[in-house]
Amino acid sequence: MPITLKDIARRTGYSVSTISRVLNGVGENYRISAKTRLMIERIANEMNYQPNQVARGLRLKKTHAIGLVIPDISNPFFAHVSRSIQIGMYESGYILIVCNTDENQETEIEQIQLLRNKGVDGFIIMPVGLKSQHISELVESKVPVVLLDRCFDDISTNSVLVDNYNGSMKAVEYLLESGHRRIAVIQGLTKTSTNDQRIKGYLDAHKKYKVDVDKNLIVGKDYRRENGYIETKYLLNMKNPPSVIYSTSDLITLGVLDAVFEEKLRIPDDISLVSFDDIDYAPYLISPLTAVRQPWEIMGEIAVKLLLQEIKSSGQMEKSRIELKPTLNIRKSVKKLGNP
């Protein structure tokens, strides 16, 4: 039988209410002496007392559960960020309920409502990014929310994102400086903040170097591996194919590699490749992959910190929009063409 507050009360001689106040960390507020508090805590430990978290949650109107909503658990970037969040929440005494939306907007709306019905204490949401009304309703209802990766300018909530524009611009500038002029880009989910900023960086880098963009080289529609494969097949079989492919995510990059190897081409001798997201095995490919690395671990840690602060402040904290800088890791997947 589990040990109860009554068992500790019989052992110590103090009332159940006194025991409860001490073990809930509010004994000092009720002027319970330090000596008494230490004695009760010691006896509770000796008796291996385990608090009933369900009952405690009902009493305090807290579940100590956090909802994590992600677009695609199979995407290495989201998987890494989720792991960082899980570790942070576990260390803070929270459980994490993870919902995968499979990049489907309606599924995201349904799962957020499901988590809300479960009474989670707050949300970390990596949204699909096409609609924001359901997230606005959460924020307006004073539910603690942190947006991660894909954000909305019209929602006043804590958010953590990467400077996708400058990360993309750096990658394309490096390609232009390496002599490439036909630079194909395989984009992700269109009309989302992350993708739009990466494409804007691609376009502005060309503009900066006064290089015209062939709009036929801007392809793709989502972050799936299949997207990378299909679009690479298309690009490689053009009459005037690109000299380099710029992939805007890890999964797209896997599809690109599938197609390139199927065509029996070599990187970078036959086709150069650069990626946004630095996939785990990027340095270990036959031709180590040049990639823009996002600080995924730090992103997760900051999201946890912001959400816990908001929960603690009961929604009164000032909202923060934290933008982190990606880094371009130059390896050997880009062939130097010289000045055209």
C-alpha atoms as a PDB file:
ATOM      1  CA  MET A   1       0.000   0.000   0.000  1.00  0.00           C
ATOM      2  CA  PRO A   2       1.322   3.481  -0.825  1.00  0.00           C
ATOM      3  CA  ILE A   3       2.296   5.741   2.055  1.00  0.00           C
ATOM      4  CA  THR A   4      -0.230   8.540   2.707  1.00  0.00           C
ATOM      5  CA  LEU A   5      -0.126  11.857   4.531  1.00  0.00           C
ATOM      6  CA  LYS A   6      -2.087  10.212   7.357  1.00  0.00           C
ATOM      7  CA  ASP A   7       0.682   7.614   7.789  1.00  0.00           C
ATOM      8  CA  ILE A   8       3.282  10.388   8.105  1.00  0.00           C
ATOM      9  CA  ALA A   9       1.010  12.294  10.499  1.00  0.00           C
ATOM     10  CA  ARG A  10       0.720   9.226  12.783  1.00  0.00           C
ATOM     11  CA  ARG A  11       4.491   8.749  12.727  1.00  0.00           C
ATOM     12  CA  THR A  12       5.365  12.398  13.425  1.00  0.00           C
ATOM     13  CA  GLY A  13       2.435  13.451  15.601  1.00  0.00           C
ATOM     14  CA  TYR A  14       1.642  16.448  13.405  1.00  0.00           C
ATOM     15  CA  SER A  15      -1.660  17.102  11.637  1.00  0.00           C
ATOM     16  CA  VAL A  16      -2.287  16.123   8.031  1.00  0.00           C
ATOM     17  CA  SER A  17      -2.601  19.797   7.060  1.00  0.00           C
ATOM     18  CA  THR A  18       0.837  20.555   8.555  1.00  0.00           C
ATOM     19  CA  ILE A  19       2.365  17.583   6.755  1.00  0.00           C
ATOM     20  CA  SER A  20       0.751  18.689   3.481  1.00  0.00           C
ATOM     21  CA  ARG A  21       1.998  22.249   3.802  1.00  0.00           C
ATOM     22  CA  VAL A  22       5.572  21.122   4.467  1.00  0.00           C
ATOM     23  CA  LEU A  23       5.691  18.592   1.659  1.00  0.00           C
ATOM     24  CA  ASN A  24       4.160  21.096  -0.773  1.00  0.00           C
ATOM     25  CA  GLY A  25       6.940  23.542   0.035  1.00  0.00           C
ATOM     26  CA  VAL A  26       4.789  26.182   1.719  1.00  0.00           C
ATOM     27  CA  GLY A  27       5.537  25.381   5.363  1.00  0.00           C
ATOM     28  CA  GLU A  28       7.477  28.575   5.867  1.00  0.00           C
ATOM     29  CA  ASN A  29       4.443  30.598   4.711  1.00  0.00           C
ATOM     30  CA  TYR A  30       2.513  29.083   7.633  1.00  0.00           C
ATOM     31  CA  ARG A  31       5.323  29.785  10.114  1.00  0.00           C
ATOM     32  CA  ILE A  32       6.207  26.143  10.549  1.00  0.00           C
ATOM     33  CA  SER A  33       9.688  26.063  12.065  1.00  0.00           C
ATOM     34  CA  ALA A  34      12.704  24.902  10.072  1.00  0.00           C
ATOM     35  CA  LYS A  35      13.304  22.135  12.635  1.00  0.00           C
ATOM     36  CA  THR A  36       9.788  20.788  12.144  1.00  0.00           C
ATOM     37  CA  ARG A  37       9.992  21.034   8.364  1.00  0.00           C
ATOM     38  CA  LEU A  38      13.278  19.134   8.245  1.00  0.00           C
ATOM     39  CA  MET A  39      11.952  16.426  10.548  1.00  0.00           C
ATOM     40  CA  ILE A  40       8.795  15.906   8.464  1.00  0.00           C
ATOM     41  CA  GLU A  41      10.785  15.806   5.224  1.00  0.00           C
ATOM     42  CA  ARG A  42      13.223  13.281   6.739  1.00  0.00           C
ATOM     43  CA  ILE A  43      10.426  11.000   7.954  1.00  0.00           C
ATOM     44  CA  ALA A  44       8.655  11.229   4.578  1.00  0.00           C
ATOM     45  CA  ASN A  45      11.877  10.164   2.838  1.00  0.00           C
ATOM     46  CA  GLU A  46      12.435   7.307   5.294  1.00  0.00           C
ATOM     47  CA  MET A  47       8.885   6.078   4.634  1.00  0.00           C
ATOM     48  CA  ASN A  48       9.446   6.406   0.860  1.00  0.00           C
ATOM     49  CA  TYR A  49       6.464   8.708   0.472  1.00  0.00           C
ATOM     50  CA  GLN A  50       5.490   9.345  -3.162  1.00  0.00           C
ATOM     51  CA  PRO A  51       3.027  12.225  -3.700  1.00  0.00           C
ATOM     52  CA  ASN A  52      -0.091  11.538  -5.736  1.00  0.00           C
ATOM     53  CA  GLN A  53       0.577  13.799  -8.711  1.00  0.00           C
ATOM     54  CA  VAL A  54      -2.937  13.404 -10.116  1.00  0.00           C
ATOM     55  CA  ALA A  55      -4.567  14.525  -6.877  1.00  0.00           C
ATOM     56  CA  ARG A  56      -2.007  17.284  -6.445  1.00  0.00           C
ATOM     57  CA  GLY A  57      -2.652  18.460  -9.995  1.00  0.00           C
ATOM     58  CA  LEU A  58      -6.400  18.607  -9.437  1.00  0.00           C
ATOM     59  CA  ARG A  59      -5.898  20.545  -6.223  1.00  0.00           C
ATOM     60  CA  LEU A  60      -3.491  23.050  -7.760  1.00  0.00           C
ATOM     61  CA  LYS A  61      -5.121  23.011 -11.199  1.00  0.00           C
ATOM     62  CA  LYS A  62      -1.786  21.919 -12.658  1.00  0.00           C
ATOM     63  CA  THR A  63      -0.973  18.710 -14.527  1.00  0.00           C
ATOM     64  CA  HIS A  64       2.805  19.158 -14.817  1.00  0.00           C
ATOM     65  CA  ALA A  65       2.369  18.077 -18.425  1.00  0.00           C
ATOM     66  CA  ILE A  66       3.480  20.066 -21.471  1.00  0.00           C
ATOM     67  CA  GLY A  67       2.145  19.671 -24.992  1.00  0.00           C
ATOM     68  CA  LEU A  68       4.774  19.538 -27.742  1.00  0.00           C
ATOM     69  CA  VAL A  69       3.354  19.855 -31.260  1.00  0.00           C
ATOM     70  CA  ILE A  70       5.732  19.121 -34.138  1.00  0.00           C
ATOM     71  CA  PRO A  71       5.264  18.938 -37.924  1.00  0.00           C
ATOM     72  CA  ASP A  72       7.247  15.776 -38.673  1.00  0.00           C
ATOM     73  CA  ILE A  73       8.967  13.537 -36.120  1.00  0.00           C
ATOM     74  CA  SER A  74      10.845  11.762 -38.931  1.00  0.00           C
ATOM     75  CA  ASN A  75      12.625  15.012 -39.833  1.00  0.00           C
ATOM     76  CA  PRO A  76      16.028  14.900 -38.073  1.00  0.00           C
ATOM     77  CA  PHE A  77      15.858  18.602 -37.185  1.00  0.00           C
ATOM     78  CA  PHE A  78      12.526  18.277 -35.376  1.00  0.00           C
ATOM     79  CA  ALA A  79      13.635  15.030 -33.724  1.00  0.00           C
ATOM     80  CA  HIS A  80      16.778  16.690 -32.351  1.00  0.00           C
ATOM     81  CA  VAL A  81      14.886  19.733 -31.068  1.00  0.00           C
ATOM     82  CA  SER A  82      12.247  17.481 -29.470  1.00  0.00           C
ATOM     83  CA  ARG A  83      14.925  15.518 -27.642  1.00  0.00           C
ATOM     84  CA  SER A  84      16.439  18.728 -26.270  1.00  0.00           C
ATOM     85  CA  ILE A  85      12.985  19.838 -25.066  1.00  0.00           C
ATOM     86  CA  GLN A  86      12.237  16.448 -23.482  1.00  0.00           C
ATOM     87  CA  ILE A  87      15.485  16.515 -21.498  1.00  0.00           C
ATOM     88  CA  GLY A  88      14.823  20.046 -20.272  1.00  0.00           C
ATOM     89  CA  MET A  89      11.252  19.312 -19.235  1.00  0.00           C
ATOM     90  CA  TYR A  90      12.204  16.072 -17.490  1.00  0.00           C
ATOM     91  CA  GLU A  91      14.876  17.864 -15.470  1.00  0.00           C
ATOM     92  CA  SER A  92      12.234  20.427 -14.449  1.00  0.00           C
ATOM     93  CA  GLY A  93       9.760  17.773 -13.287  1.00  0.00           C
ATOM     94  CA  TYR A  94       7.383  17.904 -16.270  1.00  0.00           C
ATOM     95  CA  ILE A  95       6.193  15.179 -18.590  1.00  0.00           C
ATOM     96  CA  LEU A  96       5.986  15.829 -22.305  1.00  0.00           C
ATOM     97  CA  ILE A  97       3.062  14.816 -24.500  1.00  0.00           C
ATOM     98  CA  VAL A  98       4.276  14.804 -28.101  1.00  0.00           C
ATOM     99  CA  CYS A  99       1.902  15.185 -31.034  1.00  0.00           C
ATOM    100  CA  ASN A 100       3.093  14.760 -34.620  1.00  0.00           C
ATOM    101  CA  THR A 101       0.986  16.612 -37.195  1.00  0.00           C
ATOM    102  CA  ASP A 102       2.634  15.139 -40.307  1.00  0.00           C
ATOM    103  CA  GLU A 103       2.712  18.680 -41.784  1.00  0.00           C
ATOM    104  CA  ASN A 104      -1.102  18.688 -41.872  1.00  0.00           C
ATOM    105  CA  GLN A 105      -2.734  21.932 -40.743  1.00  0.00           C
ATOM    106  CA  GLU A 106      -6.075  20.400 -39.743  1.00  0.00           C
ATOM    107  CA  THR A 107      -4.346  17.672 -37.741  1.00  0.00           C
ATOM    108  CA  GLU A 108      -2.420  20.359 -35.881  1.00  0.00           C
ATOM    109  CA  ILE A 109      -5.634  22.195 -34.978  1.00  0.00           C
ATOM    110  CA  GLU A 110      -7.242  18.962 -33.723  1.00  0.00           C
ATOM    111  CA  GLN A 111      -4.224  17.914 -31.659  1.00  0.00           C
ATOM    112  CA  ILE A 112      -3.849  21.296 -30.000  1.00  0.00           C
ATOM    113  CA  GLN A 113      -7.488  21.121 -28.960  1.00  0.00           C
ATOM    114  CA  LEU A 114      -6.981  17.573 -27.678  1.00  0.00           C
ATOM    115  CA  LEU A 115      -4.017  18.664 -25.563  1.00  0.00           C
ATOM    116  CA  ARG A 116      -5.977  21.641 -24.307  1.00  0.00           C
ATOM    117  CA  ASN A 117      -8.791  19.317 -23.214  1.00  0.00           C
ATOM    118  CA  LYS A 118      -6.210  17.237 -21.329  1.00  0.00           C
ATOM    119  CA  GLY A 119      -5.333  20.341 -19.320  1.00  0.00           C
ATOM    120  CA  VAL A 120      -1.641  20.646 -20.186  1.00  0.00           C
ATOM    121  CA  ASP A 121       0.107  23.494 -18.397  1.00  0.00           C
ATOM    122  CA  GLY A 122       1.494  24.966 -21.592  1.00  0.00           C
ATOM    123  CA  PHE A 123       2.522  24.405 -25.194  1.00  0.00           C
ATOM    124  CA  ILE A 124       5.664  24.391 -27.266  1.00  0.00           C
ATOM    125  CA  ILE A 125       4.468  24.466 -30.851  1.00  0.00           C
ATOM    126  CA  MET A 126       6.508  24.009 -34.003  1.00  0.00           C
ATOM    127  CA  PRO A 127       3.610  24.888 -36.275  1.00  0.00           C
ATOM    128  CA  VAL A 128       2.856  23.828 -39.820  1.00  0.00           C
ATOM    129  CA  GLY A 129       2.780  27.560 -40.374  1.00  0.00           C
ATOM    130  CA  LEU A 130      -0.090  28.048 -42.822  1.00  0.00           C
ATOM    131  CA  LYS A 131      -2.760  29.179 -40.344  1.00  0.00           C
ATOM    132  CA  SER A 132      -2.469  30.980 -37.032  1.00  0.00           C
ATOM    133  CA  GLN A 133      -6.000  31.614 -35.750  1.00  0.00           C
ATOM    134  CA  HIS A 134      -6.057  28.534 -33.484  1.00  0.00           C
ATOM    135  CA  ILE A 135      -2.749  29.595 -31.923  1.00  0.00           C
ATOM    136  CA  SER A 136      -3.992  33.167 -31.481  1.00  0.00           C
ATOM    137  CA  GLU A 137      -6.967  31.761 -29.565  1.00  0.00           C
ATOM    138  CA  LEU A 138      -4.608  29.926 -27.199  1.00  0.00           C
ATOM    139  CA  VAL A 139      -2.612  33.083 -26.539  1.00  0.00           C
ATOM    140  CA  GLU A 140      -5.750  35.184 -26.048  1.00  0.00           C
ATOM    141  CA  SER A 141      -6.982  32.594 -23.526  1.00  0.00           C
ATOM    142  CA  LYS A 142      -3.790  33.161 -21.487  1.00  0.00           C
ATOM    143  CA  VAL A 143      -2.495  29.655 -22.166  1.00  0.00           C
ATOM    144  CA  PRO A 144       1.344  29.673 -21.960  1.00  0.00           C
ATOM    145  CA  VAL A 145       2.683  29.159 -25.489  1.00  0.00           C
ATOM    146  CA  VAL A 146       6.134  29.196 -27.061  1.00  0.00           C
ATOM    147  CA  LEU A 147       6.421  29.068 -30.843  1.00  0.00           C
ATOM    148  CA  LEU A 148       9.505  27.384 -32.224  1.00  0.00           C
ATOM    149  CA  ASP A 149      11.057  27.495 -35.711  1.00  0.00           C
ATOM    150  CA  ARG A 150       8.081  28.694 -37.779  1.00  0.00           C
ATOM    151  CA  CYS A 151       6.601  31.819 -36.248  1.00  0.00           C
ATOM    152  CA  PHE A 152       3.896  34.400 -36.933  1.00  0.00           C
ATOM    153  CA  ASP A 153       4.559  38.132 -36.774  1.00  0.00           C
ATOM    154  CA  ASP A 154       0.950  38.852 -35.800  1.00  0.00           C
ATOM    155  CA  ILE A 155       0.972  36.714 -32.631  1.00  0.00           C
ATOM    156  CA  SER A 156       2.393  38.247 -29.450  1.00  0.00           C
ATOM    157  CA  THR A 157       3.916  35.266 -27.691  1.00  0.00           C
ATOM    158  CA  ASN A 158       7.331  33.914 -26.793  1.00  0.00           C
ATOM    159  CA  SER A 159       9.100  32.527 -29.835  1.00  0.00           C
ATOM    160  CA  VAL A 160      12.436  31.007 -30.801  1.00  0.00           C
ATOM    161  CA  LEU A 161      13.613  30.953 -34.387  1.00  0.00           C
ATOM    162  CA  VAL A 162      16.699  30.914 -36.552  1.00  0.00           C
ATOM    163  CA  ASP A 163      17.793  33.700 -38.884  1.00  0.00           C
ATOM    164  CA  ASN A 164      16.741  31.744 -41.961  1.00  0.00           C
ATOM    165  CA  TYR A 165      17.240  34.713 -44.266  1.00  0.00           C
ATOM    166  CA  ASN A 166      20.909  35.332 -43.481  1.00  0.00           C
ATOM    167  CA  GLY A 167      21.673  31.623 -43.184  1.00  0.00           C
ATOM    168  CA  SER A 168      20.320  31.090 -46.682  1.00  0.00           C
ATOM    169  CA  MET A 169      22.034  34.180 -48.016  1.00  0.00           C
ATOM    170  CA  LYS A 170      25.421  33.012 -46.699  1.00  0.00           C
ATOM    171  CA  ALA A 171      25.016  29.623 -48.366  1.00  0.00           C
ATOM    172  CA  VAL A 172      24.100  31.098 -51.755  1.00  0.00           C
ATOM    173  CA  GLU A 173      26.800  33.779 -51.561  1.00  0.00           C
ATOM    174  CA  TYR A 174      29.327  31.003 -50.994  1.00  0.00           C
ATOM    175  CA  LEU A 175      28.062  29.230 -54.117  1.00  0.00           C
ATOM    176  CA  LEU A 176      28.242  32.415 -56.186  1.00  0.00           C
ATOM    177  CA  GLU A 177      31.744  33.125 -54.916  1.00  0.00           C
ATOM    178  CA  SER A 178      32.648  29.572 -55.945  1.00  0.00           C
ATOM    179  CA  GLY A 179      31.717  30.440 -59.520  1.00  0.00           C
ATOM    180  CA  HIS A 180      28.256  28.867 -59.732  1.00  0.00           C
ATOM    181  CA  ARG A 181      25.615  30.728 -61.714  1.00  0.00           C
ATOM    182  CA  ARG A 182      22.933  28.097 -62.261  1.00  0.00           C
ATOM    183  CA  ILE A 183      21.953  27.437 -58.667  1.00  0.00           C
ATOM    184  CA  ALA A 184      18.834  25.326 -58.182  1.00  0.00           C
ATOM    185  CA  VAL A 185      16.931  25.498 -54.912  1.00  0.00           C
ATOM    186  CA  ILE A 186      14.521  22.830 -53.672  1.00  0.00           C
ATOM    187  CA  GLN A 187      12.221  24.593 -51.254  1.00  0.00           C
ATOM    188  CA  GLY A 188      10.060  23.235 -48.457  1.00  0.00           C
ATOM    189  CA  LEU A 189       6.487  24.054 -47.511  1.00  0.00           C
ATOM    190  CA  THR A 190       5.616  27.239 -49.367  1.00  0.00           C
ATOM    191  CA  LYS A 191       3.911  30.192 -47.680  1.00  0.00           C
ATOM    192  CA  THR A 192       5.516  29.409 -44.315  1.00  0.00           C
ATOM    193  CA  SER A 193       7.862  31.854 -42.588  1.00  0.00           C
ATOM    194  CA  THR A 194      10.844  29.471 -42.575  1.00  0.00           C
ATOM    195  CA  ASN A 195      10.658  28.618 -46.254  1.00  0.00           C
ATOM    196  CA  ASP A 196       9.842  32.146 -47.409  1.00  0.00           C
ATOM    197  CA  GLN A 197      12.853  33.611 -45.585  1.00  0.00           C
ATOM    198  CA  ARG A 198      15.185  30.986 -47.054  1.00  0.00           C
ATOM    199  CA  ILE A 199      13.940  31.703 -50.565  1.00  0.00           C
ATOM    200  CA  LYS A 200      14.242  35.450 -49.968  1.00  0.00           C
ATOM    201  CA  GLY A 201      17.880  34.930 -48.955  1.00  0.00           C
ATOM    202  CA  TYR A 202      18.454  32.894 -52.112  1.00  0.00           C
ATOM    203  CA  LEU A 203      16.979  35.638 -54.309  1.00  0.00           C
ATOM    204  CA  ASP A 204      18.713  38.542 -52.551  1.00  0.00           C
ATOM    205  CA  ALA A 205      22.115  36.845 -52.781  1.00  0.00           C
ATOM    206  CA  HIS A 206      21.682  36.678 -56.559  1.00  0.00           C
ATOM    207  CA  LYS A 207      20.619  40.307 -56.604  1.00  0.00           C
ATOM    208  CA  LYS A 208      23.646  41.324 -54.553  1.00  0.00           C
ATOM    209  CA  TYR A 209      25.969  39.635 -57.051  1.00  0.00           C
ATOM    210  CA  LYS A 210      23.955  40.939 -60.021  1.00  0.00           C
ATOM    211  CA  VAL A 211      23.197  37.409 -61.235  1.00  0.00           C
ATOM    212  CA  ASP A 212      19.856  36.727 -62.918  1.00  0.00           C
ATOM    213  CA  VAL A 213      17.719  33.953 -61.443  1.00  0.00           C
ATOM    214  CA  ASP A 214      16.221  31.300 -63.676  1.00  0.00           C
ATOM    215  CA  LYS A 215      12.810  30.796 -62.041  1.00  0.00           C
ATOM    216  CA  ASN A 216      12.741  27.250 -63.453  1.00  0.00           C
ATOM    217  CA  LEU A 217      15.454  26.416 -60.941  1.00  0.00           C
ATOM    218  CA  ILE A 218      13.185  27.230 -57.974  1.00  0.00           C
ATOM    219  CA  VAL A 219      11.291  23.986 -57.354  1.00  0.00           C
ATOM    220  CA  GLY A 220       9.654  21.976 -54.588  1.00  0.00           C
ATOM    221  CA  LYS A 221       6.601  22.222 -52.392  1.00  0.00           C
ATOM    222  CA  ASP A 222       7.221  20.501 -49.011  1.00  0.00           C
ATOM    223  CA  TYR A 223       9.866  19.092 -46.688  1.00  0.00           C
ATOM    224  CA  ARG A 224       9.434  15.426 -47.609  1.00  0.00           C
ATOM    225  CA  ARG A 225      12.236  13.179 -48.829  1.00  0.00           C
ATOM    226  CA  GLU A 226      10.125  12.391 -51.895  1.00  0.00           C
ATOM    227  CA  ASN A 227      10.097  16.078 -52.778  1.00  0.00           C
ATOM    228  CA  GLY A 228      13.886  16.120 -52.868  1.00  0.00           C
ATOM    229  CA  TYR A 229      14.027  12.991 -55.012  1.00  0.00           C
ATOM    230  CA  ILE A 230      11.390  14.059 -57.558  1.00  0.00           C
ATOM    231  CA  GLU A 231      12.713  17.590 -57.996  1.00  0.00           C
ATOM    232  CA  THR A 232      16.333  16.436 -58.302  1.00  0.00           C
ATOM    233  CA  LYS A 233      15.318  14.010 -61.055  1.00  0.00           C
ATOM    234  CA  TYR A 234      13.641  16.908 -62.836  1.00  0.00           C
ATOM    235  CA  LEU A 235      16.612  19.252 -62.390  1.00  0.00           C
ATOM    236  CA  LEU A 236      19.250  16.760 -63.510  1.00  0.00           C
ATOM    237  CA  ASN A 237      17.354  16.010 -66.703  1.00  0.00           C
ATOM    238  CA  MET A 238      16.891  19.618 -67.811  1.00  0.00           C
ATOM    239  CA  LYS A 239      18.494  20.601 -71.130  1.00  0.00           C
ATOM    240  CA  ASN A 240      20.591  23.099 -69.213  1.00  0.00           C
ATOM    241  CA  PRO A 241      20.856  21.554 -65.738  1.00  0.00           C
ATOM    242  CA  PRO A 242      22.113  23.417 -62.666  1.00  0.00           C
ATOM    243  CA  SER A 243      25.716  23.102 -61.530  1.00  0.00           C
ATOM    244  CA  VAL A 244      24.650  22.969 -57.887  1.00  0.00           C
ATOM    245  CA  ILE A 245      21.535  22.078 -55.871  1.00  0.00           C
ATOM    246  CA  TYR A 246      20.670  23.984 -52.717  1.00  0.00           C
ATOM    247  CA  SER A 247      18.441  21.818 -50.512  1.00  0.00           C
ATOM    248  CA  THR A 248      16.486  23.617 -47.798  1.00  0.00           C
ATOM    249  CA  SER A 249      16.105  20.766 -45.270  1.00  0.00           C
ATOM    250  CA  ASP A 250      17.535  17.449 -44.082  1.00  0.00           C
ATOM    251  CA  LEU A 251      14.791  15.244 -45.516  1.00  0.00           C
ATOM    252  CA  ILE A 252      14.911  17.015 -48.871  1.00  0.00           C
ATOM    253  CA  THR A 253      18.670  16.399 -48.871  1.00  0.00           C
ATOM    254  CA  LEU A 254      18.141  12.657 -48.426  1.00  0.00           C
ATOM    255  CA  GLY A 255      15.907  12.675 -51.504  1.00  0.00           C
ATOM    256  CA  VAL A 256      18.517  14.652 -53.442  1.00  0.00           C
ATOM    257  CA  LEU A 257      21.194  12.096 -52.557  1.00  0.00           C
ATOM    258  CA  ASP A 258      18.916   9.226 -53.610  1.00  0.00           C
ATOM    259  CA  ALA A 259      18.403  10.777 -57.049  1.00  0.00           C
ATOM    260  CA  VAL A 260      22.037  11.796 -57.558  1.00  0.00           C
ATOM    261  CA  PHE A 261      23.335   8.312 -56.739  1.00  0.00           C
ATOM    262  CA  GLU A 262      20.642   6.725 -58.913  1.00  0.00           C
ATOM    263  CA  GLU A 263      21.835   8.878 -61.818  1.00  0.00           C
ATOM    264  CA  LYS A 264      25.381   7.627 -61.073  1.00  0.00           C
ATOM    265  CA  LEU A 265      26.663  11.146 -60.579  1.00  0.00           C
ATOM    266  CA  ARG A 266      29.453  12.138 -58.217  1.00  0.00           C
ATOM    267  CA  ILE A 267      29.395  14.985 -55.707  1.00  0.00           C
ATOM    268  CA  PRO A 268      30.954  17.484 -56.340  1.00  0.00           C
ATOM    269  CA  ASP A 269      32.579  16.402 -59.631  1.00  0.00           C
ATOM    270  CA  ASP A 270      29.296  16.134 -61.545  1.00  0.00           C
ATOM    271  CA  ILE A 271      26.908  18.108 -59.338  1.00  0.00           C
ATOM    272  CA  SER A 272      27.570  20.248 -56.252  1.00  0.00           C
ATOM    273  CA  LEU A 273      25.292  20.199 -53.208  1.00  0.00           C
ATOM    274  CA  VAL A 274      24.683  22.426 -50.203  1.00  0.00           C
ATOM    275  CA  SER A 275      21.999  21.960 -47.555  1.00  0.00           C
ATOM    276  CA  PHE A 276      20.135  23.982 -44.964  1.00  0.00           C
ATOM    277  CA  ASP A 277      20.159  21.853 -41.778  1.00  0.00           C
ATOM    278  CA  ASP A 278      23.312  19.970 -40.999  1.00  0.00           C
ATOM    279  CA  ILE A 279      22.258  16.328 -41.023  1.00  0.00           C
ATOM    280  CA  ASP A 280      24.155  14.111 -38.529  1.00  0.00           C
ATOM    281  CA  TYR A 281      26.059  12.170 -41.129  1.00  0.00           C
ATOM    282  CA  ALA A 282      26.845  15.199 -43.337  1.00  0.00           C
ATOM    283  CA  PRO A 283      30.558  15.218 -42.390  1.00  0.00           C
ATOM    284  CA  TYR A 284      30.866  11.474 -43.082  1.00  0.00           C
ATOM    285  CA  LEU A 285      29.582  11.236 -46.646  1.00  0.00           C
ATOM    286  CA  ILE A 286      32.033  10.271 -49.389  1.00  0.00           C
ATOM    287  CA  SER A 287      32.038  13.980 -50.148  1.00  0.00           C
ATOM    288  CA  PRO A 288      31.381  15.680 -46.779  1.00  0.00           C
ATOM    289  CA  LEU A 289      28.369  17.965 -47.117  1.00  0.00           C
ATOM    290  CA  THR A 290      28.570  21.743 -46.928  1.00  0.00           C
ATOM    291  CA  ALA A 291      25.579  22.793 -44.831  1.00  0.00           C
ATOM    292  CA  VAL A 292      23.946  25.577 -42.831  1.00  0.00           C
ATOM    293  CA  ARG A 293      23.695  24.322 -39.262  1.00  0.00           C
ATOM    294  CA  GLN A 294      20.852  25.376 -36.983  1.00  0.00           C
ATOM    295  CA  PRO A 295      21.613  25.413 -33.212  1.00  0.00           C
ATOM    296  CA  TRP A 296      18.818  22.926 -32.510  1.00  0.00           C
ATOM    297  CA  GLU A 297      19.946  22.019 -28.999  1.00  0.00           C
ATOM    298  CA  ILE A 298      20.033  25.656 -27.898  1.00  0.00           C
ATOM    299  CA  MET A 299      16.661  26.289 -29.570  1.00  0.00           C
ATOM    300  CA  GLY A 300      15.083  23.550 -27.464  1.00  0.00           C
ATOM    301  CA  GLU A 301      16.711  24.721 -24.245  1.00  0.00           C
ATOM    302  CA  ILE A 302      15.583  28.320 -24.742  1.00  0.00           C
ATOM    303  CA  ALA A 303      12.026  27.221 -25.573  1.00  0.00           C
ATOM    304  CA  VAL A 304      11.875  25.248 -22.306  1.00  0.00           C
ATOM    305  CA  LYS A 305      13.210  28.186 -20.303  1.00  0.00           C
ATOM    306  CA  LEU A 306      10.734  30.639 -21.828  1.00  0.00           C
ATOM    307  CA  LEU A 307       7.749  28.354 -21.277  1.00  0.00           C
ATOM    308  CA  LEU A 308       8.614  27.566 -17.642  1.00  0.00           C
ATOM    309  CA  GLN A 309       9.104  31.278 -16.931  1.00  0.00           C
ATOM    310  CA  GLU A 310       5.719  32.054 -18.460  1.00  0.00           C
ATOM    311  CA  ILE A 311       4.007  29.312 -16.443  1.00  0.00           C
ATOM    312  CA  LYS A 312       5.666  30.583 -13.255  1.00  0.00           C
ATOM    313  CA  SER A 313       4.645  34.185 -13.973  1.00  0.00           C
ATOM    314  CA  SER A 314       1.048  33.169 -14.764  1.00  0.00           C
ATOM    315  CA  GLY A 315       1.335  34.847 -18.159  1.00  0.00           C
ATOM    316  CA  GLN A 316       2.601  38.175 -16.793  1.00  0.00           C
ATOM    317  CA  MET A 317       6.143  38.005 -18.215  1.00  0.00           C
ATOM    318  CA  GLU A 318       7.175  40.221 -21.097  1.00  0.00           C
ATOM    319  CA  LYS A 319       7.152  38.256 -24.351  1.00  0.00           C
ATOM    320  CA  SER A 320      10.452  37.564 -26.121  1.00  0.00           C
ATOM    321  CA  ARG A 321      11.266  36.842 -29.755  1.00  0.00           C
ATOM    322  CA  ILE A 322      14.688  35.200 -29.770  1.00  0.00           C
ATOM    323  CA  GLU A 323      16.428  34.795 -33.109  1.00  0.00           C
ATOM    324  CA  LEU A 324      19.542  32.616 -33.246  1.00  0.00           C
ATOM    325  CA  LYS A 325      22.305  32.704 -35.837  1.00  0.00           C
ATOM    326  CA  PRO A 326      23.002  29.629 -37.974  1.00  0.00           C
ATOM    327  CA  THR A 327      26.507  28.772 -39.143  1.00  0.00           C
ATOM    328  CA  LEU A 328      27.746  27.707 -42.569  1.00  0.00           C
ATOM    329  CA  ASN A 329      29.922  24.607 -42.293  1.00  0.00           C
ATOM    330  CA  ILE A 330      32.051  24.455 -45.443  1.00  0.00           C
ATOM    331  CA  ARG A 331      33.164  20.959 -46.373  1.00  0.00           C
ATOM    332  CA  LYS A 332      33.794  19.322 -49.751  1.00  0.00           C
ATOM    333  CA  SER A 333      30.482  19.036 -51.588  1.00  0.00           C
ATOM    334  CA  VAL A 334      30.852  22.241 -53.633  1.00  0.00           C
ATOM    335  CA  LYS A 335      33.111  22.338 -56.678  1.00  0.00           C
ATOM    336  CA  LYS A 336      35.037  25.541 -57.320  1.00  0.00           C
ATOM    337  CA  LEU A 337      34.289  26.710 -60.863  1.00  0.00           C
ATOM    338  CA  GLY A 338      36.399  29.849 -60.847  1.00  0.00           C
ATOM    339  CA  ASN A 339      35.173  33.206 -62.126  1.00  0.00           C
ATOM    340  CA  PRO A 340      32.780  32.755 -65.064  1.00  0.00           C
END
